[in-house]
Amino acid sequence: MAGLLPDALSMRQPKQTTLRLLGFLIPVLLMVLFPAISAQAQQGVGVRAGISAEPGQFYFGAHAAFGPVVDKLWFRPNVEVGVGNHVTLIAINADFTYWVPLRKNPWNVYLGGGPAGNIFSFGGVANRSTDVRPGFNFVAGIGQRKGLFSEIKIGAIDSPSFKFGIGYTFP
């Protein structure tokens, strides 16, 4: 992320950037529209919001919870839109989380991670530059199986270096 500068983005050919963006978005949209997991496995959808570092932003988004895939392992894909610091970031995350129940407590701890696709957009309306970059997130949180949660994400490659967020999964 440290080497990502708006000047470097403006040197790319617009056609090349558009093709990379389409090559990334089409498979992701197909996975969202036609999931391999049966409809009975879907446990809920939800909303999330928080703050991130590098780039320093406020983010908001949505997620779905599928599972358990195996034992206590859940698939929780999410999309987050970050704004601020003269950058717009759309992060498409394919997180897997392993839930550890706490005894006699309605809350559970979860740990996990997954790959990410990050779409960075810089500049004004007339001279907007867009770049698609890969990433990976490590996630840790506490939450109810269906309901309120809070989590932190540590990003690698070109994902934001740190995120803190809260959210809610609707049953």
C-alpha atoms as a PDB file:
ATOM      1  CA  MET A   1       0.000   0.000   0.000  1.00  0.00           C
ATOM      2  CA  ALA A   2       2.921   2.338   0.717  1.00  0.00           C
ATOM      3  CA  GLY A   3       3.920   2.462  -2.980  1.00  0.00           C
ATOM      4  CA  LEU A   4       0.409   3.220  -4.200  1.00  0.00           C
ATOM      5  CA  LEU A   5       0.425   6.831  -5.448  1.00  0.00           C
ATOM      6  CA  PRO A   6      -2.121   8.638  -7.626  1.00  0.00           C
ATOM      7  CA  ASP A   7       0.673   9.655 -10.067  1.00  0.00           C
ATOM      8  CA  ALA A   8       1.566   6.013 -10.681  1.00  0.00           C
ATOM      9  CA  LEU A   9      -2.054   5.217 -11.423  1.00  0.00           C
ATOM     10  CA  SER A  10      -2.451   7.984 -13.982  1.00  0.00           C
ATOM     11  CA  MET A  11       0.317   6.440 -16.129  1.00  0.00           C
ATOM     12  CA  ARG A  12      -1.779   3.321 -16.835  1.00  0.00           C
ATOM     13  CA  GLN A  13      -3.828   3.112 -19.960  1.00  0.00           C
ATOM     14  CA  PRO A  14      -7.562   3.573 -19.193  1.00  0.00           C
ATOM     15  CA  LYS A  15      -8.464   0.585 -21.412  1.00  0.00           C
ATOM     16  CA  GLN A  16      -6.034  -1.696 -19.570  1.00  0.00           C
ATOM     17  CA  THR A  17      -7.396  -0.648 -16.159  1.00  0.00           C
ATOM     18  CA  THR A  18     -10.991  -1.145 -17.348  1.00  0.00           C
ATOM     19  CA  LEU A  19     -10.208  -4.651 -18.627  1.00  0.00           C
ATOM     20  CA  ARG A  20      -8.541  -5.595 -15.324  1.00  0.00           C
ATOM     21  CA  LEU A  21     -11.528  -4.249 -13.410  1.00  0.00           C
ATOM     22  CA  LEU A  22     -14.020  -6.202 -15.551  1.00  0.00           C
ATOM     23  CA  GLY A  23     -11.895  -9.350 -15.343  1.00  0.00           C
ATOM     24  CA  PHE A  24     -12.106  -9.120 -11.575  1.00  0.00           C
ATOM     25  CA  LEU A  25     -15.713  -7.997 -11.125  1.00  0.00           C
ATOM     26  CA  ILE A  26     -17.454 -10.467 -13.486  1.00  0.00           C
ATOM     27  CA  PRO A  27     -16.381 -13.637 -11.585  1.00  0.00           C
ATOM     28  CA  VAL A  28     -17.172 -11.982  -8.238  1.00  0.00           C
ATOM     29  CA  LEU A  29     -20.662 -10.981  -9.409  1.00  0.00           C
ATOM     30  CA  LEU A  30     -21.301 -14.499 -10.711  1.00  0.00           C
ATOM     31  CA  MET A  31     -20.281 -15.961  -7.345  1.00  0.00           C
ATOM     32  CA  VAL A  32     -22.643 -13.579  -5.539  1.00  0.00           C
ATOM     33  CA  LEU A  33     -25.585 -14.141  -7.903  1.00  0.00           C
ATOM     34  CA  PHE A  34     -25.173 -17.930  -8.179  1.00  0.00           C
ATOM     35  CA  PRO A  35     -23.596 -19.197  -4.963  1.00  0.00           C
ATOM     36  CA  ALA A  36     -22.474 -22.835  -4.810  1.00  0.00           C
ATOM     37  CA  ILE A  37     -23.909 -23.155  -1.318  1.00  0.00           C
ATOM     38  CA  SER A  38     -27.563 -24.160  -1.144  1.00  0.00           C
ATOM     39  CA  ALA A  39     -30.181 -21.620  -0.096  1.00  0.00           C
ATOM     40  CA  GLN A  40     -30.812 -23.534   3.144  1.00  0.00           C
ATOM     41  CA  ALA A  41     -27.223 -22.836   4.265  1.00  0.00           C
ATOM     42  CA  GLN A  42     -27.663 -19.066   4.172  1.00  0.00           C
ATOM     43  CA  GLN A  43     -27.928 -17.865   7.754  1.00  0.00           C
ATOM     44  CA  GLY A  44     -28.429 -14.155   7.258  1.00  0.00           C
ATOM     45  CA  VAL A  45     -27.267 -10.877   5.823  1.00  0.00           C
ATOM     46  CA  GLY A  46     -26.103  -7.802   7.655  1.00  0.00           C
ATOM     47  CA  VAL A  47     -24.569  -4.379   7.732  1.00  0.00           C
ATOM     48  CA  ARG A  48     -21.222  -3.140   9.038  1.00  0.00           C
ATOM     49  CA  ALA A  49     -19.347   0.136   9.549  1.00  0.00           C
ATOM     50  CA  GLY A  50     -16.065   1.268  11.046  1.00  0.00           C
ATOM     51  CA  ILE A  51     -12.738   3.007  10.581  1.00  0.00           C
ATOM     52  CA  SER A  52      -9.550   1.960   8.809  1.00  0.00           C
ATOM     53  CA  ALA A  53      -5.888   2.947   8.744  1.00  0.00           C
ATOM     54  CA  GLU A  54      -3.688   3.256   5.651  1.00  0.00           C
ATOM     55  CA  PRO A  55      -5.760   4.678   4.087  1.00  0.00           C
ATOM     56  CA  GLY A  56      -7.399   6.495   7.005  1.00  0.00           C
ATOM     57  CA  GLN A  57     -11.092   6.176   6.181  1.00  0.00           C
ATOM     58  CA  PHE A  58     -14.621   5.625   7.397  1.00  0.00           C
ATOM     59  CA  TYR A  59     -16.133   2.501   5.838  1.00  0.00           C
ATOM     60  CA  PHE A  60     -19.569   0.933   5.562  1.00  0.00           C
ATOM     61  CA  GLY A  61     -20.809  -2.208   3.891  1.00  0.00           C
ATOM     62  CA  ALA A  62     -22.809  -5.399   3.851  1.00  0.00           C
ATOM     63  CA  HIS A  63     -22.131  -9.079   4.407  1.00  0.00           C
ATOM     64  CA  ALA A  64     -23.734 -12.516   4.269  1.00  0.00           C
ATOM     65  CA  ALA A  65     -23.222 -15.489   6.583  1.00  0.00           C
ATOM     66  CA  PHE A  66     -23.169 -19.001   5.096  1.00  0.00           C
ATOM     67  CA  GLY A  67     -22.589 -22.063   7.175  1.00  0.00           C
ATOM     68  CA  PRO A  68     -21.383 -23.779   8.983  1.00  0.00           C
ATOM     69  CA  VAL A  69     -19.355 -24.971   5.993  1.00  0.00           C
ATOM     70  CA  VAL A  70     -17.506 -27.488   8.195  1.00  0.00           C
ATOM     71  CA  ASP A  71     -17.956 -27.832  11.965  1.00  0.00           C
ATOM     72  CA  LYS A  72     -17.733 -24.200  13.225  1.00  0.00           C
ATOM     73  CA  LEU A  73     -16.240 -22.697  10.033  1.00  0.00           C
ATOM     74  CA  TRP A  74     -18.423 -20.087   8.325  1.00  0.00           C
ATOM     75  CA  PHE A  75     -18.098 -18.308   4.990  1.00  0.00           C
ATOM     76  CA  ARG A  76     -18.762 -14.574   5.485  1.00  0.00           C
ATOM     77  CA  PRO A  77     -18.243 -12.656   2.219  1.00  0.00           C
ATOM     78  CA  ASN A  78     -18.549  -8.901   2.526  1.00  0.00           C
ATOM     79  CA  VAL A  79     -18.259  -5.690   0.563  1.00  0.00           C
ATOM     80  CA  GLU A  80     -16.984  -2.519   2.219  1.00  0.00           C
ATOM     81  CA  VAL A  81     -16.841   1.000   0.784  1.00  0.00           C
ATOM     82  CA  GLY A  82     -14.246   3.295   2.346  1.00  0.00           C
ATOM     83  CA  VAL A  83     -14.309   7.061   1.939  1.00  0.00           C
ATOM     84  CA  GLY A  84     -11.842   9.726   3.031  1.00  0.00           C
ATOM     85  CA  ASN A  85      -8.208  10.712   2.632  1.00  0.00           C
ATOM     86  CA  HIS A  86      -8.855  11.625  -1.056  1.00  0.00           C
ATOM     87  CA  VAL A  87      -9.399   7.922  -1.886  1.00  0.00           C
ATOM     88  CA  THR A  88     -12.483   5.787  -2.417  1.00  0.00           C
ATOM     89  CA  LEU A  89     -11.895   2.102  -1.721  1.00  0.00           C
ATOM     90  CA  ILE A  90     -14.259  -0.740  -2.548  1.00  0.00           C
ATOM     91  CA  ALA A  91     -13.078  -3.898  -0.791  1.00  0.00           C
ATOM     92  CA  ILE A  92     -14.574  -7.254  -1.784  1.00  0.00           C
ATOM     93  CA  ASN A  93     -13.620  -9.764   0.927  1.00  0.00           C
ATOM     94  CA  ALA A  94     -14.069 -13.555   0.996  1.00  0.00           C
ATOM     95  CA  ASP A  95     -13.606 -14.181   4.730  1.00  0.00           C
ATOM     96  CA  PHE A  96     -13.818 -17.551   6.463  1.00  0.00           C
ATOM     97  CA  THR A  97     -14.356 -17.428  10.230  1.00  0.00           C
ATOM     98  CA  TYR A  98     -14.015 -20.147  12.859  1.00  0.00           C
ATOM     99  CA  TRP A  99     -16.384 -19.572  15.784  1.00  0.00           C
ATOM    100  CA  VAL A 100     -15.419 -20.569  19.329  1.00  0.00           C
ATOM    101  CA  PRO A 101     -18.372 -20.563  21.751  1.00  0.00           C
ATOM    102  CA  LEU A 102     -17.841 -19.080  25.191  1.00  0.00           C
ATOM    103  CA  ARG A 103     -19.373 -21.111  28.022  1.00  0.00           C
ATOM    104  CA  LYS A 104     -22.576 -19.747  29.551  1.00  0.00           C
ATOM    105  CA  ASN A 105     -22.303 -16.609  27.474  1.00  0.00           C
ATOM    106  CA  PRO A 106     -24.403 -15.449  24.494  1.00  0.00           C
ATOM    107  CA  TRP A 107     -21.219 -14.173  22.837  1.00  0.00           C
ATOM    108  CA  ASN A 108     -18.712 -16.149  20.766  1.00  0.00           C
ATOM    109  CA  VAL A 109     -15.157 -15.402  19.661  1.00  0.00           C
ATOM    110  CA  TYR A 110     -14.198 -15.850  16.030  1.00  0.00           C
ATOM    111  CA  LEU A 111     -10.908 -15.915  14.123  1.00  0.00           C
ATOM    112  CA  GLY A 112     -10.297 -16.147  10.421  1.00  0.00           C
ATOM    113  CA  GLY A 113      -9.254 -14.499   7.235  1.00  0.00           C
ATOM    114  CA  GLY A 114      -9.482 -14.573   3.498  1.00  0.00           C
ATOM    115  CA  PRO A 115      -8.540 -13.019   0.167  1.00  0.00           C
ATOM    116  CA  ALA A 116      -9.677  -9.582  -0.909  1.00  0.00           C
ATOM    117  CA  GLY A 117     -10.052  -7.582  -4.076  1.00  0.00           C
ATOM    118  CA  ASN A 118      -9.465  -3.860  -3.543  1.00  0.00           C
ATOM    119  CA  ILE A 119     -10.605  -1.209  -6.020  1.00  0.00           C
ATOM    120  CA  PHE A 120      -8.907   2.127  -5.345  1.00  0.00           C
ATOM    121  CA  SER A 121     -10.198   5.318  -6.950  1.00  0.00           C
ATOM    122  CA  PHE A 122      -8.290   8.628  -6.827  1.00  0.00           C
ATOM    123  CA  GLY A 123      -8.830  12.127  -8.151  1.00  0.00           C
ATOM    124  CA  GLY A 124     -11.708  14.329  -9.150  1.00  0.00           C
ATOM    125  CA  VAL A 125     -14.558  13.609 -11.525  1.00  0.00           C
ATOM    126  CA  ALA A 126     -12.659  14.844 -14.586  1.00  0.00           C
ATOM    127  CA  ASN A 127      -9.387  13.032 -13.883  1.00  0.00           C
ATOM    128  CA  ARG A 128     -10.414   9.937 -11.887  1.00  0.00           C
ATOM    129  CA  SER A 129      -7.892   7.064 -11.763  1.00  0.00           C
ATOM    130  CA  THR A 130      -8.848   3.541 -10.734  1.00  0.00           C
ATOM    131  CA  ASP A 131      -6.668   0.590  -9.828  1.00  0.00           C
ATOM    132  CA  VAL A 132      -7.526  -2.968  -8.767  1.00  0.00           C
ATOM    133  CA  ARG A 133      -5.196  -4.579  -6.238  1.00  0.00           C
ATOM    134  CA  PRO A 134      -5.186  -7.946  -4.406  1.00  0.00           C
ATOM    135  CA  GLY A 135      -5.184  -8.243  -0.645  1.00  0.00           C
ATOM    136  CA  PHE A 136      -5.604 -10.598   2.279  1.00  0.00           C
ATOM    137  CA  ASN A 137      -7.267 -10.011   5.645  1.00  0.00           C
ATOM    138  CA  PHE A 138      -6.800 -11.615   9.049  1.00  0.00           C
ATOM    139  CA  VAL A 139      -9.889 -11.132  11.218  1.00  0.00           C
ATOM    140  CA  ALA A 140     -10.688 -11.520  14.924  1.00  0.00           C
ATOM    141  CA  GLY A 141     -13.943 -10.619  16.582  1.00  0.00           C
ATOM    142  CA  ILE A 142     -16.609 -11.218  19.138  1.00  0.00           C
ATOM    143  CA  GLY A 143     -20.254 -11.606  18.295  1.00  0.00           C
ATOM    144  CA  GLN A 144     -23.511 -13.375  18.602  1.00  0.00           C
ATOM    145  CA  ARG A 145     -24.217 -16.109  16.087  1.00  0.00           C
ATOM    146  CA  LYS A 146     -26.981 -13.955  14.655  1.00  0.00           C
ATOM    147  CA  GLY A 147     -26.779 -10.395  15.760  1.00  0.00           C
ATOM    148  CA  LEU A 148     -24.382  -7.787  17.015  1.00  0.00           C
ATOM    149  CA  PHE A 149     -20.624  -8.178  16.427  1.00  0.00           C
ATOM    150  CA  SER A 150     -17.383  -6.239  16.635  1.00  0.00           C
ATOM    151  CA  GLU A 151     -14.199  -7.121  14.777  1.00  0.00           C
ATOM    152  CA  ILE A 152     -10.707  -6.067  13.828  1.00  0.00           C
ATOM    153  CA  LYS A 153      -8.994  -6.823  10.540  1.00  0.00           C
ATOM    154  CA  ILE A 154      -5.282  -6.771   9.838  1.00  0.00           C
ATOM    155  CA  GLY A 155      -4.599  -6.349   6.127  1.00  0.00           C
ATOM    156  CA  ALA A 156      -1.764  -7.695   4.018  1.00  0.00           C
ATOM    157  CA  ILE A 157      -0.596  -7.007   0.468  1.00  0.00           C
ATOM    158  CA  ASP A 158      -2.789  -4.049  -0.635  1.00  0.00           C
ATOM    159  CA  SER A 159      -5.640  -4.293   1.895  1.00  0.00           C
ATOM    160  CA  PRO A 160      -5.959  -1.516   4.505  1.00  0.00           C
ATOM    161  CA  SER A 161      -3.454  -2.228   7.279  1.00  0.00           C
ATOM    162  CA  PHE A 162      -6.021  -2.092  10.114  1.00  0.00           C
ATOM    163  CA  LYS A 163      -9.807  -1.936  10.436  1.00  0.00           C
ATOM    164  CA  PHE A 164     -12.090  -1.741  13.453  1.00  0.00           C
ATOM    165  CA  GLY A 165     -15.781  -2.227  12.868  1.00  0.00           C
ATOM    166  CA  ILE A 166     -19.144  -3.110  14.318  1.00  0.00           C
ATOM    167  CA  GLY A 167     -22.134  -4.625  12.618  1.00  0.00           C
ATOM    168  CA  TYR A 168     -25.318  -6.596  12.833  1.00  0.00           C
ATOM    169  CA  THR A 169     -26.409  -9.822  11.094  1.00  0.00           C
ATOM    170  CA  PHE A 170     -30.154 -10.128  10.527  1.00  0.00           C
ATOM    171  CA  PRO A 171     -31.540 -13.661  11.019  1.00  0.00           C
END
